[in-house]
Amino acid sequence: MSLPTGYYAFEWSGGTFEVQLRPGGEFWCPRFAAPATWQFSGGTLAIDWGKYGEYVLRLSGDALAGGARGNESDWRKMRFLRAFTPQEALVSASVWRLRSGDEEPLLVQFRADGRFVCPSRAGTFSYRLEGDSVLIEWDSLSNDRLQLDMAAKAMAGSTLCCPLCAASSAVRLEYVERLPGGGPP
């Protein structure tokens, strides 16, 4: 028996928020980001959430219930919400090689929390998935809309410059590797 990877509601006395059980035993929570792992064996889920503690939850019907390791009165519950789409599974928490025109290729990151990181360009950027399209929002003046080719693990599209600019350039990305832990906070 195994648990499905995907999105879960994580509940405790302070409220409920979304967490992810990611492939390869990676546990991710955008709201409380920290390196974390999970293991499931014999109906028991063990979570090592680094600075946020260790938790042991047991499968009970369609939910998991338990608490902090060694102190189950500090209770926690988890409920499955949905599986990752194939696009989310490929893009979220990954590293890609970006090629644009004659420029030197760059390694970029699609973090699990929706941030897009390009080490050579200062700023806070984001991305979002829309089916097989990936929209990278560089800033208020330019975006990239890319078509995702799942089989080739590649994306292609154009940089859409500001409305006052006529220029656009072709952009290609090739998958490189997973980004452990959803990416650094």
Protein backbone atom coordinates (compact mmCIF):
# COMPACT_ATOMS: atom_id res chain seq x y z
CA MET A 1 0.00 0.00 0.00
CA SER A 2 1.23 3.50 -0.79
CA LEU A 3 -0.01 7.06 -0.47
CA PRO A 4 -0.66 9.10 -3.60
CA THR A 5 1.61 12.06 -4.22
CA GLY A 6 -0.18 15.37 -4.51
CA TYR A 7 -1.87 18.03 -2.43
CA TYR A 8 -3.12 17.42 1.12
CA ALA A 9 -4.94 19.51 3.73
CA PHE A 10 -2.78 19.55 6.89
CA GLU A 11 -4.70 20.38 10.06
CA TRP A 12 -3.62 21.27 13.58
CA SER A 13 -4.99 23.37 16.47
CA GLY A 14 -3.81 26.56 14.72
CA GLY A 15 -5.75 25.92 11.49
CA THR A 16 -5.54 24.13 8.15
CA PHE A 17 -3.18 24.71 5.24
CA GLU A 18 -2.01 22.95 2.10
CA VAL A 19 1.03 20.65 1.95
CA GLN A 20 2.43 18.41 -0.77
CA LEU A 21 3.70 14.85 -0.67
CA ARG A 22 6.12 15.00 -3.60
CA PRO A 23 7.75 12.08 -5.42
CA GLY A 24 10.97 10.72 -3.93
CA GLY A 25 9.87 11.30 -0.33
CA GLU A 26 9.93 15.12 -0.48
CA PHE A 27 7.44 16.91 1.79
CA TRP A 28 6.70 20.51 0.79
CA CYS A 29 4.68 23.31 2.34
CA PRO A 30 4.80 26.74 0.67
CA ARG A 31 3.49 28.45 3.82
CA PHE A 32 6.11 26.89 6.12
CA ALA A 33 9.04 26.24 3.80
CA ALA A 34 11.81 24.02 5.16
CA PRO A 35 13.75 21.01 3.94
CA ALA A 36 11.48 18.06 4.78
CA THR A 37 10.89 14.39 3.95
CA TRP A 38 8.14 11.81 4.26
CA GLN A 39 7.99 8.01 4.42
CA PHE A 40 4.96 5.73 4.38
CA SER A 41 5.12 2.16 5.63
CA GLY A 42 2.61 -0.22 7.21
CA GLY A 43 -0.18 2.37 7.23
CA THR A 44 1.98 4.98 9.01
CA LEU A 45 3.20 8.28 7.57
CA ALA A 46 6.37 9.72 9.14
CA ILE A 47 7.19 13.35 8.37
CA ASP A 48 10.53 14.96 9.23
CA TRP A 49 9.81 18.67 8.76
CA GLY A 50 13.17 20.00 9.97
CA LYS A 51 12.70 23.06 12.19
CA TYR A 52 8.92 22.45 12.33
CA GLY A 53 9.24 19.02 13.97
CA GLU A 54 8.62 15.35 13.31
CA TYR A 55 5.14 13.89 12.97
CA VAL A 56 3.68 10.39 12.88
CA LEU A 57 0.19 9.92 11.38
CA ARG A 58 -1.69 6.68 10.88
CA LEU A 59 -4.09 5.91 8.07
CA SER A 60 -7.66 5.90 9.38
CA GLY A 61 -10.31 5.51 6.65
CA ASP A 62 -9.63 8.16 4.02
CA ALA A 63 -7.55 10.41 6.30
CA LEU A 64 -4.39 10.34 8.39
CA ALA A 65 -4.35 11.23 12.09
CA GLY A 66 -1.65 11.38 14.75
CA GLY A 67 0.64 13.97 16.21
CA ALA A 68 4.13 15.12 17.02
CA ARG A 69 6.57 12.23 17.43
CA GLY A 70 6.48 11.25 21.11
CA ASN A 71 3.55 13.60 21.92
CA GLU A 72 0.34 12.64 20.13
CA SER A 73 -1.63 15.15 22.22
CA ASP A 74 0.03 17.72 19.92
CA TRP A 75 -2.32 16.38 17.20
CA ARG A 76 -2.19 16.65 13.41
CA LYS A 77 -4.51 15.41 10.64
CA MET A 78 -4.09 15.13 6.88
CA ARG A 79 -6.63 14.63 4.12
CA PHE A 80 -5.89 14.01 0.41
CA LEU A 81 -7.10 16.85 -1.86
CA ARG A 82 -5.86 15.95 -5.35
CA ALA A 83 -3.04 14.38 -7.32
CA PHE A 84 -0.49 16.44 -9.22
CA THR A 85 -1.27 16.96 -12.87
CA PRO A 86 1.44 15.53 -15.16
CA GLN A 87 2.44 19.12 -15.95
CA GLU A 88 2.81 20.03 -12.26
CA ALA A 89 4.81 16.88 -11.61
CA LEU A 90 7.29 17.82 -14.35
CA VAL A 91 7.57 21.61 -13.92
CA SER A 92 7.15 22.30 -10.20
CA ALA A 93 10.46 22.12 -8.30
CA SER A 94 12.66 21.67 -11.37
CA VAL A 95 15.72 23.11 -13.12
CA TRP A 96 15.68 23.93 -16.85
CA ARG A 97 18.17 25.26 -19.41
CA LEU A 98 16.80 28.43 -21.01
CA ARG A 99 17.95 29.44 -24.50
CA SER A 100 16.95 32.72 -26.09
CA GLY A 101 18.36 33.94 -29.39
CA ASP A 102 22.16 34.00 -29.48
CA GLU A 103 22.49 34.48 -25.72
CA GLU A 104 24.45 32.05 -23.56
CA PRO A 105 22.10 29.36 -22.11
CA LEU A 106 21.01 29.94 -18.49
CA LEU A 107 19.91 27.51 -15.80
CA VAL A 108 16.56 28.60 -14.31
CA GLN A 109 14.38 27.19 -11.54
CA PHE A 110 10.64 26.65 -11.28
CA ARG A 111 10.13 26.51 -7.50
CA ALA A 112 7.29 24.60 -5.85
CA ASP A 113 5.89 27.84 -4.38
CA GLY A 114 5.34 29.43 -7.82
CA ARG A 115 8.54 31.47 -7.89
CA PHE A 116 10.62 31.51 -11.06
CA VAL A 117 14.33 32.09 -10.38
CA CYS A 118 16.87 33.23 -12.93
CA PRO A 119 20.22 33.77 -11.16
CA SER A 120 21.46 36.23 -13.82
CA ARG A 121 18.45 38.56 -13.52
CA ALA A 122 17.70 40.33 -10.24
CA GLY A 123 14.11 40.46 -9.11
CA THR A 124 11.17 38.41 -7.91
CA PHE A 125 9.46 36.54 -10.72
CA SER A 126 6.68 33.99 -10.85
CA TYR A 127 5.19 31.36 -13.10
CA ARG A 128 1.90 29.59 -13.48
CA LEU A 129 0.67 26.58 -15.38
CA GLU A 130 -2.37 26.81 -17.64
CA GLY A 131 -2.84 23.30 -19.00
CA ASP A 132 0.10 22.70 -21.37
CA SER A 133 1.11 26.39 -21.28
CA VAL A 134 3.61 27.90 -18.86
CA LEU A 135 3.43 31.65 -18.26
CA ILE A 136 6.60 33.21 -16.81
CA GLU A 137 5.91 36.67 -15.39
CA TRP A 138 9.24 38.49 -15.41
CA ASP A 139 7.85 41.86 -14.40
CA SER A 140 5.09 44.26 -15.37
CA LEU A 141 6.62 44.80 -18.83
CA SER A 142 7.40 41.34 -20.16
CA ASN A 143 6.25 37.74 -19.99
CA ASP A 144 7.07 34.44 -21.64
CA ARG A 145 4.25 32.17 -22.78
CA LEU A 146 5.65 28.74 -23.48
CA GLN A 147 4.09 25.55 -24.83
CA LEU A 148 5.06 22.50 -22.77
CA ASP A 149 5.99 19.31 -24.65
CA MET A 150 5.65 16.61 -21.98
CA ALA A 151 7.20 13.80 -24.04
CA ALA A 152 10.30 15.83 -24.95
CA LYS A 153 10.53 17.52 -21.52
CA ALA A 154 10.88 20.85 -23.31
CA MET A 155 9.12 24.20 -23.66
CA ALA A 156 9.10 26.69 -26.53
CA GLY A 157 7.51 30.06 -27.12
CA SER A 158 8.22 33.76 -27.30
CA THR A 159 9.16 36.57 -24.98
CA LEU A 160 6.31 39.02 -25.09
CA CYS A 161 7.84 42.47 -24.58
CA CYS A 162 6.07 45.52 -23.29
CA PRO A 163 3.12 46.78 -25.36
CA LEU A 164 5.28 49.65 -26.66
CA CYS A 165 7.91 47.25 -28.06
CA ALA A 166 7.55 45.45 -31.36
CA ALA A 167 10.32 42.96 -30.59
CA SER A 168 9.88 39.44 -29.37
CA SER A 169 12.35 36.60 -29.35
CA ALA A 170 12.11 32.83 -29.41
CA VAL A 171 12.63 31.08 -26.09
CA ARG A 172 13.39 27.36 -25.58
CA LEU A 173 13.78 25.44 -22.33
CA GLU A 174 15.01 21.89 -21.79
CA TYR A 175 14.50 19.94 -18.57
CA VAL A 176 17.69 19.38 -16.52
CA GLU A 177 16.74 17.91 -13.11
CA ARG A 178 14.50 17.95 -10.04
CA LEU A 179 15.05 20.72 -7.53
CA PRO A 180 15.31 19.01 -4.12
CA GLY A 181 12.87 20.15 -1.46
CA GLY A 182 10.90 22.44 -3.76
CA GLY A 183 13.74 24.93 -3.93
CA PRO A 184 15.47 27.08 -1.33
CA PRO A 185 13.23 29.47 0.61
